Amino acid sequence: MSDRQPDDEVPETAAQRRARRAQFLRDLMEARELRDRVQPRRARAARMRQQMRMRTFRW
């Protein structure tokens, strides 16, 4: 939860937004890698499904 109040909300700069997004994506990748290590069979099945999706996708 944010400790800022809505009325004193300051718009974040583009650089702040990019930094926040980069951190989020790093955390997401870390979580995916952890899940893949913990559940290798499910991870392999997910990779296979993704490959099939990419093979059948029409450009």
Protein backbone atom coordinates (compact mmCIF):
# COMPACT_ATOMS: atom_id res chain seq x y z
CA MET A 1 0.00 0.00 0.00
CA SER A 2 1.14 3.50 -0.70
CA ASP A 3 1.72 5.88 2.16
CA ARG A 4 1.00 8.89 -0.09
CA GLN A 5 -2.41 10.48 -0.16
CA PRO A 6 -4.23 10.87 -3.51
CA ASP A 7 -4.44 14.66 -3.18
CA ASP A 8 -0.65 15.14 -2.87
CA GLU A 9 0.07 12.72 -5.71
CA VAL A 10 2.99 13.91 -7.82
CA PRO A 11 3.24 12.57 -11.36
CA GLU A 12 6.28 10.31 -11.67
CA THR A 13 8.83 11.03 -14.35
CA ALA A 14 9.36 8.73 -17.31
CA ALA A 15 12.72 7.68 -15.87
CA GLN A 16 11.12 6.70 -12.55
CA ARG A 17 8.45 4.73 -14.38
CA ARG A 18 11.07 2.90 -16.47
CA ALA A 19 13.13 2.09 -13.38
CA ARG A 20 10.05 0.77 -11.57
CA ARG A 21 9.07 -1.30 -14.61
CA ALA A 22 12.61 -2.69 -14.97
CA GLN A 23 12.59 -3.74 -11.31
CA PHE A 24 9.19 -5.39 -11.75
CA LEU A 25 10.40 -7.32 -14.80
CA ARG A 26 13.56 -8.45 -12.96
CA ASP A 27 11.41 -9.72 -10.07
CA LEU A 28 9.08 -11.47 -12.51
CA MET A 29 11.95 -13.26 -14.25
CA GLU A 30 13.42 -14.28 -10.90
CA ALA A 31 10.06 -15.72 -9.83
CA ARG A 32 9.73 -17.63 -13.12
CA GLU A 33 13.24 -19.09 -12.77
CA LEU A 34 12.50 -20.17 -9.22
CA ARG A 35 9.22 -21.79 -10.26
CA ASP A 36 10.99 -23.57 -13.13
CA ARG A 37 13.58 -24.99 -10.74
CA VAL A 38 10.93 -26.11 -8.28
CA GLN A 39 8.57 -27.63 -10.87
CA PRO A 40 10.71 -28.83 -13.80
CA ARG A 41 8.00 -30.98 -15.38
CA ARG A 42 5.47 -28.15 -15.42
CA ALA A 43 8.14 -25.77 -16.73
CA ARG A 44 8.99 -28.16 -19.58
CA ALA A 45 5.33 -28.52 -20.48
CA ALA A 46 4.94 -24.72 -20.47
CA ARG A 47 7.97 -24.37 -22.78
CA MET A 48 6.49 -26.94 -25.15
CA ARG A 49 3.15 -25.12 -25.21
CA GLN A 50 4.92 -21.81 -25.90
CA GLN A 51 6.91 -23.39 -28.75
CA MET A 52 3.72 -24.80 -30.24
CA ARG A 53 2.06 -21.39 -29.97
CA MET A 54 4.98 -19.76 -31.76
CA ARG A 55 4.98 -22.43 -34.49
CA THR A 56 1.30 -22.00 -35.25
CA PHE A 57 1.30 -18.19 -35.07
CA ARG A 58 0.75 -16.47 -38.41
CA TRP A 59 2.66 -13.23 -39.04
